[in-house]
N, C-alpha and C. Protein backbone atom coordinates (compact mmCIF):
# COMPACT_ATOMS: atom_id res chain seq x y z
N UNK A 1 -146.35 -28.35 -194.61
CA UNK A 1 -147.21 -28.32 -193.44
C UNK A 1 -147.14 -29.69 -192.78
N UNK A 2 -147.05 -29.71 -191.45
CA UNK A 2 -146.94 -31.00 -190.76
C UNK A 2 -148.09 -31.94 -191.12
N UNK A 3 -147.73 -33.19 -191.34
CA UNK A 3 -148.72 -34.19 -191.76
C UNK A 3 -149.78 -34.45 -190.70
N UNK A 4 -149.40 -34.44 -189.42
CA UNK A 4 -150.38 -34.70 -188.37
C UNK A 4 -151.47 -33.63 -188.36
N UNK A 5 -151.11 -32.40 -188.72
CA UNK A 5 -152.08 -31.31 -188.77
C UNK A 5 -153.07 -31.54 -189.91
N UNK A 6 -152.56 -31.91 -191.07
CA UNK A 6 -153.42 -32.16 -192.23
C UNK A 6 -154.35 -33.34 -191.97
N UNK A 7 -153.82 -34.41 -191.37
CA UNK A 7 -154.67 -35.57 -191.04
C UNK A 7 -155.80 -35.16 -190.11
N UNK A 8 -155.49 -34.33 -189.13
CA UNK A 8 -156.50 -33.87 -188.18
C UNK A 8 -157.59 -33.06 -188.87
N UNK A 9 -157.20 -32.21 -189.80
CA UNK A 9 -158.20 -31.43 -190.54
C UNK A 9 -159.12 -32.33 -191.35
N UNK A 10 -158.54 -33.32 -192.00
CA UNK A 10 -159.35 -34.23 -192.81
C UNK A 10 -160.35 -35.01 -191.96
N UNK A 11 -159.94 -35.39 -190.77
CA UNK A 11 -160.80 -36.18 -189.88
C UNK A 11 -161.74 -35.32 -189.05
N UNK A 12 -161.59 -34.01 -189.13
CA UNK A 12 -162.43 -33.12 -188.34
C UNK A 12 -162.01 -33.04 -186.88
N UNK A 13 -160.75 -33.37 -186.60
CA UNK A 13 -160.25 -33.33 -185.23
C UNK A 13 -159.91 -31.89 -184.88
N UNK A 14 -160.43 -31.45 -183.74
CA UNK A 14 -160.18 -30.07 -183.32
C UNK A 14 -158.87 -29.98 -182.56
N UNK A 15 -158.57 -30.96 -181.74
CA UNK A 15 -157.30 -30.98 -181.01
C UNK A 15 -156.58 -32.28 -181.31
N UNK A 16 -155.27 -32.24 -181.22
CA UNK A 16 -154.48 -33.44 -181.46
C UNK A 16 -153.44 -33.57 -180.36
N UNK A 17 -152.91 -34.78 -180.20
CA UNK A 17 -151.80 -34.97 -179.28
C UNK A 17 -150.55 -34.35 -179.87
N UNK A 18 -149.64 -34.01 -179.00
CA UNK A 18 -148.37 -33.48 -179.46
C UNK A 18 -147.65 -34.60 -180.22
N UNK A 19 -147.00 -34.31 -181.33
CA UNK A 19 -146.32 -35.37 -182.11
C UNK A 19 -145.33 -36.16 -181.27
N UNK A 20 -145.28 -37.45 -181.50
CA UNK A 20 -144.40 -38.34 -180.74
C UNK A 20 -142.94 -38.13 -181.09
N UNK A 21 -142.65 -37.66 -182.27
CA UNK A 21 -141.26 -37.41 -182.68
C UNK A 21 -141.21 -36.07 -183.43
N UNK A 22 -140.03 -35.50 -183.51
CA UNK A 22 -139.92 -34.19 -184.17
C UNK A 22 -140.41 -34.24 -185.62
N UNK A 23 -141.09 -33.20 -186.02
CA UNK A 23 -141.59 -33.08 -187.39
C UNK A 23 -140.43 -32.66 -188.29
N UNK A 24 -140.13 -33.43 -189.35
CA UNK A 24 -139.00 -33.09 -190.22
C UNK A 24 -139.09 -31.69 -190.83
N UNK A 25 -140.30 -31.23 -191.13
CA UNK A 25 -140.42 -29.91 -191.75
C UNK A 25 -140.14 -28.78 -190.77
N UNK A 26 -140.07 -29.07 -189.47
CA UNK A 26 -139.85 -28.03 -188.47
C UNK A 26 -138.48 -27.38 -188.61
N UNK A 27 -137.51 -28.11 -189.14
CA UNK A 27 -136.17 -27.52 -189.28
C UNK A 27 -136.16 -26.35 -190.26
N UNK A 28 -137.18 -26.24 -191.12
CA UNK A 28 -137.25 -25.16 -192.09
C UNK A 28 -138.05 -23.95 -191.60
N UNK A 29 -138.66 -24.09 -190.41
CA UNK A 29 -139.46 -22.99 -189.88
C UNK A 29 -138.56 -21.91 -189.28
N UNK A 30 -138.87 -20.64 -189.53
CA UNK A 30 -138.08 -19.59 -188.88
C UNK A 30 -138.45 -19.50 -187.41
N UNK A 31 -137.50 -19.18 -186.60
CA UNK A 31 -137.76 -19.02 -185.17
C UNK A 31 -137.60 -17.56 -184.78
N UNK A 32 -138.01 -17.21 -183.59
CA UNK A 32 -137.83 -15.84 -183.12
C UNK A 32 -136.34 -15.48 -183.13
N UNK A 33 -136.02 -14.22 -183.25
CA UNK A 33 -134.62 -13.82 -183.33
C UNK A 33 -133.85 -14.08 -182.04
N UNK A 34 -132.55 -14.22 -182.18
CA UNK A 34 -131.65 -14.34 -181.04
C UNK A 34 -130.82 -13.05 -181.01
N UNK A 35 -130.77 -12.41 -179.87
CA UNK A 35 -130.09 -11.12 -179.76
C UNK A 35 -128.72 -11.30 -179.13
N UNK A 36 -127.72 -10.61 -179.68
CA UNK A 36 -126.35 -10.64 -179.15
C UNK A 36 -126.19 -9.44 -178.21
N UNK A 37 -126.21 -9.73 -176.93
CA UNK A 37 -126.18 -8.66 -175.93
C UNK A 37 -124.96 -7.77 -176.08
N UNK A 38 -123.82 -8.31 -176.39
CA UNK A 38 -122.60 -7.51 -176.50
C UNK A 38 -122.58 -6.56 -177.69
N UNK A 39 -123.56 -6.65 -178.57
CA UNK A 39 -123.60 -5.79 -179.76
C UNK A 39 -124.76 -4.80 -179.73
N UNK A 40 -125.52 -4.77 -178.65
CA UNK A 40 -126.69 -3.90 -178.59
C UNK A 40 -126.47 -2.71 -177.68
N UNK A 41 -126.46 -1.52 -178.27
CA UNK A 41 -126.39 -0.28 -177.51
C UNK A 41 -127.81 0.27 -177.34
N UNK A 42 -127.95 1.30 -176.53
CA UNK A 42 -129.27 1.93 -176.37
C UNK A 42 -129.76 2.48 -177.71
N UNK A 43 -128.85 3.07 -178.45
CA UNK A 43 -129.20 3.63 -179.76
C UNK A 43 -129.70 2.52 -180.71
N UNK A 44 -128.97 1.42 -180.76
CA UNK A 44 -129.36 0.29 -181.63
C UNK A 44 -130.69 -0.31 -181.16
N UNK A 45 -130.88 -0.41 -179.84
CA UNK A 45 -132.12 -0.96 -179.31
C UNK A 45 -133.31 -0.08 -179.67
N UNK A 46 -133.14 1.23 -179.58
CA UNK A 46 -134.22 2.15 -179.95
C UNK A 46 -134.59 2.01 -181.42
N UNK A 47 -133.57 1.81 -182.26
CA UNK A 47 -133.83 1.62 -183.70
C UNK A 47 -134.59 0.32 -183.94
N UNK A 48 -134.25 -0.73 -183.21
CA UNK A 48 -134.94 -2.02 -183.37
C UNK A 48 -136.39 -1.91 -182.91
N UNK A 49 -136.62 -1.19 -181.83
CA UNK A 49 -137.99 -0.99 -181.33
C UNK A 49 -138.83 -0.31 -182.41
N UNK A 50 -138.24 0.65 -183.12
CA UNK A 50 -138.96 1.39 -184.15
C UNK A 50 -139.31 0.54 -185.37
N UNK A 51 -138.45 -0.42 -185.74
CA UNK A 51 -138.71 -1.20 -186.95
C UNK A 51 -139.57 -2.44 -186.72
N UNK A 52 -139.78 -2.84 -185.46
CA UNK A 52 -140.54 -4.06 -185.17
C UNK A 52 -142.02 -3.85 -185.46
N UNK A 53 -142.58 -4.56 -186.47
CA UNK A 53 -143.99 -4.35 -186.82
C UNK A 53 -144.97 -4.94 -185.80
N UNK A 54 -144.53 -5.89 -184.99
CA UNK A 54 -145.45 -6.52 -184.04
C UNK A 54 -145.33 -5.92 -182.63
N UNK A 55 -144.46 -4.95 -182.48
CA UNK A 55 -144.23 -4.29 -181.19
C UNK A 55 -143.78 -5.28 -180.11
N UNK A 56 -142.99 -6.25 -180.54
CA UNK A 56 -142.48 -7.26 -179.61
C UNK A 56 -141.24 -6.76 -178.87
N UNK A 57 -140.72 -5.61 -179.26
CA UNK A 57 -139.53 -5.06 -178.64
C UNK A 57 -139.85 -3.74 -177.94
N UNK A 58 -139.35 -3.59 -176.74
CA UNK A 58 -139.43 -2.33 -176.01
C UNK A 58 -138.11 -2.14 -175.29
N UNK A 59 -137.82 -0.90 -174.92
CA UNK A 59 -136.60 -0.64 -174.15
C UNK A 59 -136.99 -0.09 -172.80
N UNK A 60 -136.37 -0.62 -171.77
CA UNK A 60 -136.57 -0.16 -170.41
C UNK A 60 -135.20 0.10 -169.80
N UNK A 61 -134.84 1.39 -169.69
CA UNK A 61 -133.53 1.77 -169.18
C UNK A 61 -132.43 1.13 -170.03
N UNK A 62 -131.60 0.30 -169.41
CA UNK A 62 -130.47 -0.33 -170.10
C UNK A 62 -130.77 -1.78 -170.48
N UNK A 63 -132.04 -2.07 -170.79
CA UNK A 63 -132.45 -3.43 -171.13
C UNK A 63 -133.39 -3.38 -172.34
N UNK A 64 -133.15 -4.25 -173.30
CA UNK A 64 -134.09 -4.45 -174.41
C UNK A 64 -135.00 -5.59 -173.99
N UNK A 65 -136.30 -5.36 -173.99
CA UNK A 65 -137.26 -6.39 -173.60
C UNK A 65 -137.86 -6.98 -174.88
N UNK A 66 -137.68 -8.28 -175.05
CA UNK A 66 -138.19 -8.99 -176.22
C UNK A 66 -139.34 -9.88 -175.79
N UNK A 67 -140.52 -9.66 -176.34
CA UNK A 67 -141.70 -10.46 -176.04
C UNK A 67 -141.83 -11.53 -177.14
N UNK A 68 -141.35 -12.73 -176.84
CA UNK A 68 -141.38 -13.82 -177.82
C UNK A 68 -142.81 -14.22 -178.16
N UNK A 69 -143.75 -13.97 -177.28
CA UNK A 69 -145.16 -14.29 -177.55
C UNK A 69 -145.80 -13.34 -178.54
N UNK A 70 -145.27 -12.14 -178.67
CA UNK A 70 -145.82 -11.15 -179.60
C UNK A 70 -145.08 -11.14 -180.94
N UNK A 71 -143.90 -11.74 -180.98
CA UNK A 71 -143.07 -11.72 -182.19
C UNK A 71 -143.73 -12.51 -183.32
N UNK A 72 -143.78 -11.90 -184.50
CA UNK A 72 -144.33 -12.57 -185.68
C UNK A 72 -143.24 -13.07 -186.61
N UNK A 73 -142.00 -12.97 -186.20
CA UNK A 73 -140.83 -13.42 -186.96
C UNK A 73 -140.79 -12.76 -188.34
N UNK A 74 -141.06 -11.47 -188.37
CA UNK A 74 -141.03 -10.71 -189.62
C UNK A 74 -139.61 -10.59 -190.15
N UNK A 75 -138.63 -10.57 -189.26
CA UNK A 75 -137.22 -10.49 -189.68
C UNK A 75 -136.71 -9.09 -189.89
N UNK A 76 -137.51 -8.09 -189.62
CA UNK A 76 -137.07 -6.70 -189.84
C UNK A 76 -135.94 -6.33 -188.90
N UNK A 77 -135.97 -6.84 -187.68
CA UNK A 77 -134.89 -6.54 -186.73
C UNK A 77 -133.57 -7.11 -187.24
N UNK A 78 -133.61 -8.30 -187.77
CA UNK A 78 -132.39 -8.94 -188.28
C UNK A 78 -131.87 -8.21 -189.51
N UNK A 79 -132.78 -7.77 -190.39
CA UNK A 79 -132.36 -7.01 -191.57
C UNK A 79 -131.75 -5.66 -191.18
N UNK A 80 -132.33 -5.04 -190.16
CA UNK A 80 -131.88 -3.71 -189.74
C UNK A 80 -130.55 -3.75 -189.00
N UNK A 81 -130.33 -4.80 -188.22
CA UNK A 81 -129.13 -4.87 -187.39
C UNK A 81 -128.56 -6.29 -187.34
N UNK A 82 -128.00 -6.76 -188.47
CA UNK A 82 -127.51 -8.15 -188.52
C UNK A 82 -126.35 -8.43 -187.56
N UNK A 83 -125.63 -7.40 -187.15
CA UNK A 83 -124.52 -7.61 -186.21
C UNK A 83 -125.03 -7.89 -184.79
N UNK A 84 -126.26 -7.49 -184.49
CA UNK A 84 -126.81 -7.66 -183.15
C UNK A 84 -127.93 -8.70 -183.07
N UNK A 85 -128.48 -9.08 -184.22
CA UNK A 85 -129.62 -10.00 -184.24
C UNK A 85 -129.30 -11.18 -185.16
N UNK A 86 -129.42 -12.37 -184.63
CA UNK A 86 -129.16 -13.58 -185.42
C UNK A 86 -130.46 -14.35 -185.60
N UNK A 87 -130.52 -15.19 -186.63
CA UNK A 87 -131.71 -16.03 -186.77
C UNK A 87 -131.79 -16.99 -185.59
N UNK A 88 -132.97 -17.14 -185.05
CA UNK A 88 -133.15 -18.04 -183.92
C UNK A 88 -133.54 -19.43 -184.39
N UNK A 89 -133.21 -20.41 -183.59
CA UNK A 89 -133.56 -21.79 -183.94
C UNK A 89 -134.65 -22.33 -183.04
N UNK A 90 -135.04 -21.57 -182.03
CA UNK A 90 -136.07 -22.02 -181.10
C UNK A 90 -137.44 -21.65 -181.64
N UNK A 91 -138.27 -22.66 -181.91
CA UNK A 91 -139.61 -22.34 -182.40
C UNK A 91 -140.70 -22.91 -181.50
N UNK A 92 -140.35 -23.78 -180.59
CA UNK A 92 -141.33 -24.31 -179.66
C UNK A 92 -141.23 -23.49 -178.37
N UNK A 93 -142.22 -22.65 -178.15
CA UNK A 93 -142.16 -21.71 -177.05
C UNK A 93 -143.24 -21.97 -176.00
N UNK A 94 -143.64 -23.21 -175.83
CA UNK A 94 -144.68 -23.53 -174.85
C UNK A 94 -144.18 -23.20 -173.44
N UNK A 95 -145.03 -22.57 -172.66
CA UNK A 95 -144.69 -22.21 -171.30
C UNK A 95 -145.96 -22.16 -170.46
N UNK A 96 -145.79 -22.23 -169.18
CA UNK A 96 -146.96 -22.18 -168.30
C UNK A 96 -147.26 -20.77 -167.82
N UNK A 97 -146.33 -19.83 -168.06
CA UNK A 97 -146.56 -18.45 -167.66
C UNK A 97 -146.24 -17.50 -168.79
N UNK A 98 -146.99 -16.45 -168.89
CA UNK A 98 -146.76 -15.43 -169.92
C UNK A 98 -145.42 -14.75 -169.69
N UNK A 99 -145.05 -14.58 -168.44
CA UNK A 99 -143.80 -13.90 -168.10
C UNK A 99 -142.58 -14.62 -168.67
N UNK A 100 -142.67 -15.93 -168.83
CA UNK A 100 -141.54 -16.70 -169.35
C UNK A 100 -141.23 -16.37 -170.82
N UNK A 101 -142.16 -15.73 -171.51
CA UNK A 101 -141.94 -15.35 -172.91
C UNK A 101 -141.23 -14.01 -173.05
N UNK A 102 -141.04 -13.31 -171.94
CA UNK A 102 -140.35 -12.02 -171.97
C UNK A 102 -138.87 -12.24 -171.71
N UNK A 103 -138.05 -11.84 -172.66
CA UNK A 103 -136.60 -11.98 -172.55
C UNK A 103 -136.00 -10.59 -172.34
N UNK A 104 -135.09 -10.48 -171.39
CA UNK A 104 -134.46 -9.20 -171.09
C UNK A 104 -133.00 -9.26 -171.54
N UNK A 105 -132.64 -8.40 -172.50
CA UNK A 105 -131.30 -8.38 -173.06
C UNK A 105 -130.58 -7.13 -172.57
N UNK A 106 -129.47 -7.28 -171.82
CA UNK A 106 -128.75 -6.10 -171.32
C UNK A 106 -128.10 -5.35 -172.48
N UNK A 107 -128.08 -4.03 -172.37
CA UNK A 107 -127.50 -3.18 -173.41
C UNK A 107 -126.12 -2.70 -172.98
N UNK A 108 -125.25 -2.45 -173.96
CA UNK A 108 -123.93 -1.90 -173.68
C UNK A 108 -124.02 -0.38 -173.74
N UNK A 109 -123.00 0.28 -173.24
CA UNK A 109 -122.95 1.74 -173.29
C UNK A 109 -122.87 2.19 -174.74
N UNK A 110 -123.53 3.30 -175.04
CA UNK A 110 -123.51 3.86 -176.39
C UNK A 110 -122.18 4.52 -176.67
N UNK A 111 -121.42 4.03 -177.66
CA UNK A 111 -120.17 4.69 -178.00
C UNK A 111 -120.42 6.07 -178.64
N UNK A 112 -121.60 6.24 -179.23
CA UNK A 112 -121.92 7.50 -179.92
C UNK A 112 -122.48 8.55 -178.96
N UNK A 113 -122.89 8.13 -177.77
CA UNK A 113 -123.56 9.05 -176.85
C UNK A 113 -122.62 10.06 -176.22
N UNK A 114 -121.37 9.66 -176.05
CA UNK A 114 -120.43 10.58 -175.44
C UNK A 114 -120.56 10.60 -173.93
N UNK A 115 -119.75 11.41 -173.23
CA UNK A 115 -119.79 11.43 -171.77
C UNK A 115 -121.01 12.10 -171.22
């Protein structure tokens, strides 16, 4: 656990300044998944939507919508489809708008769907 957080708890500090330098333990934190657009079909996207426990994934037409603000980094999407989902390294997701947390991943044509 970051040391600045523990110090704040001991001192009874409710808010703290953002750390002046990167926290060494941050490199071990899991980040939201990274999706490989070229490997995601509609069929694969529908399967990922079904396995996501936090409902951070939805499909809209030919786009997989990933809500990074709702993601709990459970890793089920990566376990279910490792060819299309990679571990993410981004864990600092501060933004001024909620819309900036929504990522739209284009889907490829389903090879299994047929003509």
